[in-house]
Protein backbone atom coordinates (compact mmCIF):
# COMPACT_ATOMS: atom_id res chain seq x y z
CA MET A 1 -28.80 -34.86 16.45
CA LEU A 2 -25.17 -35.48 15.54
CA ARG A 3 -26.34 -36.63 12.11
CA GLU A 4 -27.98 -33.21 11.52
CA LEU A 5 -25.00 -31.25 12.85
CA ARG A 6 -22.34 -33.15 10.92
CA PRO A 7 -23.16 -31.76 7.41
CA ALA A 8 -23.26 -28.21 8.79
CA LEU A 9 -19.90 -28.60 10.53
CA VAL A 10 -18.31 -30.21 7.47
CA LEU A 11 -19.62 -27.39 5.27
CA LEU A 12 -18.38 -24.76 7.75
CA LEU A 13 -14.88 -26.26 7.81
CA ALA A 14 -14.78 -26.70 4.03
CA LEU A 15 -15.89 -23.13 3.32
CA THR A 16 -13.50 -21.76 5.96
CA ALA A 17 -10.60 -23.61 4.34
CA LEU A 18 -11.68 -22.54 0.85
CA THR A 19 -12.56 -18.88 1.42
CA GLY A 20 -10.36 -18.19 4.45
CA LEU A 21 -7.17 -19.95 3.33
CA ALA A 22 -7.06 -21.29 -0.22
CA TYR A 23 -8.61 -18.27 -2.00
CA PRO A 24 -6.57 -15.55 -0.20
CA LEU A 25 -3.33 -17.51 -0.67
CA ALA A 26 -4.09 -18.09 -4.36
CA MET A 27 -4.90 -14.40 -4.95
CA THR A 28 -1.78 -13.27 -3.06
CA GLY A 29 0.40 -15.64 -5.09
CA LEU A 30 -1.23 -14.62 -8.37
CA ALA A 31 -0.90 -10.91 -7.61
CA GLY A 32 2.75 -11.37 -6.62
CA ALA A 33 3.48 -13.23 -9.87
CA LEU A 34 1.58 -10.88 -12.22
CA PHE A 35 2.08 -7.53 -10.49
CA PRO A 36 5.07 -7.87 -8.12
CA ALA A 37 5.65 -4.13 -7.52
CA GLN A 38 1.98 -3.35 -6.87
CA ALA A 39 1.49 -6.42 -4.66
CA ALA A 40 4.43 -5.28 -2.53
CA GLY A 41 2.86 -1.84 -1.95
CA SER A 42 4.19 0.13 -4.95
CA LEU A 43 7.30 0.97 -2.94
CA ILE A 44 9.78 3.48 -4.36
CA GLU A 45 13.46 2.76 -3.79
CA ARG A 46 16.47 5.05 -4.16
CA GLY A 47 20.04 3.96 -3.53
CA GLY A 48 18.94 0.65 -2.04
CA ARG A 49 16.66 2.40 0.46
CA ILE A 50 12.85 2.55 0.43
CA VAL A 51 11.82 6.21 0.41
CA GLY A 52 8.04 5.76 0.24
CA SER A 53 5.12 4.37 -1.66
CA ALA A 54 3.53 5.71 -4.82
CA LEU A 55 0.15 5.12 -3.11
CA ILE A 56 0.61 7.17 0.08
CA GLY A 57 1.42 10.87 0.24
CA GLN A 58 4.22 12.37 2.28
CA SER A 59 4.57 15.70 4.01
CA PHE A 60 6.90 18.00 2.05
CA THR A 61 7.21 21.44 3.64
CA SER A 62 10.44 22.96 2.31
CA ALA A 63 10.21 25.70 -0.32
CA GLY A 64 12.40 23.61 -2.63
CA HIS A 65 9.90 20.76 -2.88
CA PHE A 66 6.44 20.45 -4.37
CA HIS A 67 3.75 20.16 -1.71
CA GLY A 68 0.88 17.68 -1.79
CA ARG A 69 -2.71 18.13 -0.75
CA PRO A 70 -3.33 19.08 2.86
CA SER A 71 -3.86 16.03 5.06
CA ALA A 72 -6.34 15.92 7.94
CA THR A 73 -5.07 12.70 9.52
CA THR A 74 -4.27 12.68 13.23
CA ALA A 75 -2.48 10.60 15.86
CA PRO A 76 -2.92 10.24 19.64
CA ASP A 77 -1.43 13.12 21.59
CA PRO A 78 1.66 11.75 23.42
CA ALA A 79 0.90 14.08 26.34
CA ASP A 80 -2.80 13.16 26.62
CA ALA A 81 -4.14 9.93 25.11
CA THR A 82 -7.71 11.30 25.14
CA LYS A 83 -6.73 13.94 22.55
CA THR A 84 -5.30 13.88 19.06
CA VAL A 85 -2.69 15.96 17.27
CA PRO A 86 -2.24 16.59 13.54
CA ALA A 87 -0.14 13.88 11.87
CA PRO A 88 -0.15 14.48 8.10
CA TYR A 89 -0.37 11.35 5.93
CA ASN A 90 -0.71 9.02 8.92
CA ALA A 91 -1.57 5.74 7.20
CA ALA A 92 -2.54 4.18 10.54
CA ASN A 93 -5.40 6.66 10.90
CA SER A 94 -6.69 7.31 7.40
CA GLY A 95 -9.65 9.64 7.18
CA GLY A 96 -10.89 13.16 6.61
CA SER A 97 -11.52 15.84 9.18
CA ASN A 98 -15.33 15.58 9.09
CA LEU A 99 -15.48 19.38 9.25
CA GLY A 100 -18.44 20.77 7.30
CA PRO A 101 -18.84 24.00 5.32
CA THR A 102 -20.11 25.86 8.42
CA SER A 103 -17.05 24.93 10.50
CA ALA A 104 -15.12 27.99 11.70
CA ALA A 105 -11.95 25.88 12.12
CA LEU A 106 -12.14 24.69 8.50
CA ALA A 107 -12.83 28.21 7.18
CA GLU A 108 -9.89 29.58 9.18
CA ARG A 109 -7.50 26.87 7.96
CA VAL A 110 -8.54 27.30 4.30
CA ALA A 111 -8.28 31.11 4.54
CA GLY A 112 -4.77 30.80 5.99
CA ASP A 113 -3.69 28.38 3.27
CA LEU A 114 -5.20 30.61 0.56
CA ALA A 115 -3.40 33.69 1.87
CA ALA A 116 -0.04 31.86 1.93
CA LEU A 117 -0.53 30.46 -1.57
CA ARG A 118 -1.65 33.80 -3.00
CA ALA A 119 1.45 35.44 -1.53
CA GLU A 120 3.57 32.71 -3.11
CA ASN A 121 2.08 33.13 -6.60
CA PRO A 122 -0.23 36.16 -6.83
CA ASP A 123 -0.67 36.00 -10.61
CA ARG A 124 -2.54 32.68 -10.78
CA PRO A 125 -5.74 31.33 -9.23
CA VAL A 126 -5.12 28.81 -6.44
CA PRO A 127 -6.05 25.24 -7.48
CA VAL A 128 -8.68 23.77 -5.17
CA ASP A 129 -6.68 20.66 -4.30
CA LEU A 130 -3.97 22.78 -2.63
CA VAL A 131 -6.43 23.93 0.05
CA THR A 132 -8.80 20.95 0.42
CA THR A 133 -8.04 17.62 2.05
CA SER A 134 -8.94 14.29 0.49
CA GLY A 135 -11.32 11.80 2.07
CA SER A 136 -8.46 9.52 3.08
CA GLY A 137 -5.89 12.14 4.02
CA LEU A 138 -3.30 10.02 2.19
CA ASP A 139 -3.68 11.26 -1.39
CA PRO A 140 -0.26 10.95 -3.12
CA ASP A 141 -1.28 12.95 -6.19
CA ILE A 142 -2.12 16.52 -7.09
CA SER A 143 -3.60 17.97 -10.25
CA PRO A 144 -1.24 19.21 -12.97
CA GLU A 145 -2.56 22.72 -12.26
CA ALA A 146 -1.54 22.41 -8.58
CA ALA A 147 1.96 21.28 -9.57
CA LEU A 148 2.36 24.04 -12.16
CA PHE A 149 1.14 26.62 -9.63
CA GLN A 150 4.13 25.76 -7.41
CA VAL A 151 6.76 26.04 -10.16
CA PRO A 152 7.83 29.66 -9.42
CA ARG A 153 8.42 28.94 -5.72
CA VAL A 154 10.34 25.72 -6.36
CA ALA A 155 12.43 27.29 -9.14
CA ARG A 156 13.37 30.24 -6.89
CA ALA A 157 14.27 27.96 -3.96
CA ARG A 158 16.35 25.66 -6.17
CA ASN A 159 17.87 28.48 -8.25
CA LEU A 160 16.66 26.76 -11.42
CA PRO A 161 15.02 28.28 -14.52
CA GLU A 162 11.22 28.12 -14.33
CA ASP A 163 11.02 26.60 -17.82
CA ARG A 164 13.17 23.69 -16.73
CA VAL A 165 11.05 23.00 -13.65
CA ARG A 166 7.84 23.40 -15.67
CA ALA A 167 9.13 20.87 -18.24
CA LEU A 168 9.86 18.44 -15.39
CA VAL A 169 6.29 18.80 -14.10
CA THR A 170 4.91 18.21 -17.60
CA SER A 171 7.01 15.04 -17.94
CA GLU A 172 5.56 13.68 -14.68
CA ILE A 173 1.88 14.17 -15.61
CA ARG A 174 0.03 10.83 -15.70
CA GLY A 175 -3.20 10.29 -17.59
CA ARG A 176 -6.40 8.56 -16.54
CA SER A 177 -6.04 4.90 -15.56
CA LEU A 178 -6.83 2.76 -18.62
CA GLY A 179 -7.75 6.03 -20.31
CA LEU A 180 -11.07 6.09 -18.41
CA PHE A 181 -10.74 6.19 -14.63
CA GLY A 182 -9.71 9.10 -12.43
CA GLU A 183 -8.19 12.37 -13.54
CA THR A 184 -4.84 13.47 -14.90
CA ARG A 185 -2.47 13.72 -11.98
CA VAL A 186 1.07 14.20 -10.76
CA ASN A 187 2.55 11.95 -8.06
CA VAL A 188 4.20 14.34 -5.59
CA LEU A 189 6.85 11.91 -4.33
CA ALA A 190 7.87 10.89 -7.86
CA LEU A 191 8.00 14.57 -8.90
CA ASN A 192 10.19 15.54 -5.93
CA LEU A 193 12.54 12.64 -6.53
CA ALA A 194 12.85 13.67 -10.20
CA LEU A 195 13.45 17.25 -9.01
CA ASP A 196 16.24 16.10 -6.69
CA ASP A 197 17.82 14.17 -9.59
CA LEU A 198 17.54 17.27 -11.80
CA ALA A 199 19.21 19.46 -9.19
CA ARG A 200 22.13 17.02 -8.90
CA ARG A 201 22.93 17.19 -12.63
């Protein structure tokens, strides 16, 4: 019986070492050598301090910053562990709200967001990504239309000419990955950091 078990055990150990240790370590080392910034999480640093990642959105709420997509992520309620509370861009609990088109809560939230955005910029249609959440709740990007929609509010709050803020948005627009994948987009964190630099000049 030991003779029949021995090849299976040897194969199990060999494949565990190969696929569980050697391959992951080789891929981690290769990624770190070829793409060091991406392998480290695409972290963004300012003044020697990490301010975020280009891959995970952040909650910007002030009038002087561009806002990202709404986030439906939650966290445990500190007062009652059986409940959850909204926690925008919570990377520990990535996911959507699972609310469907017949949900009264979803309709109420979208209507409220629409009303606020229409009051902010009544002359333009509201881009859909400013009122809808992404599947992960962590989306760091918005469409160029969503960024341009926010220009009047940001320019007023920062006391900057709209043309200058609009030019900044245009400079931050990124094309499709490899020219094929995804959509044109603006990274909200990168845009707000560029905006802060512009305001300091």
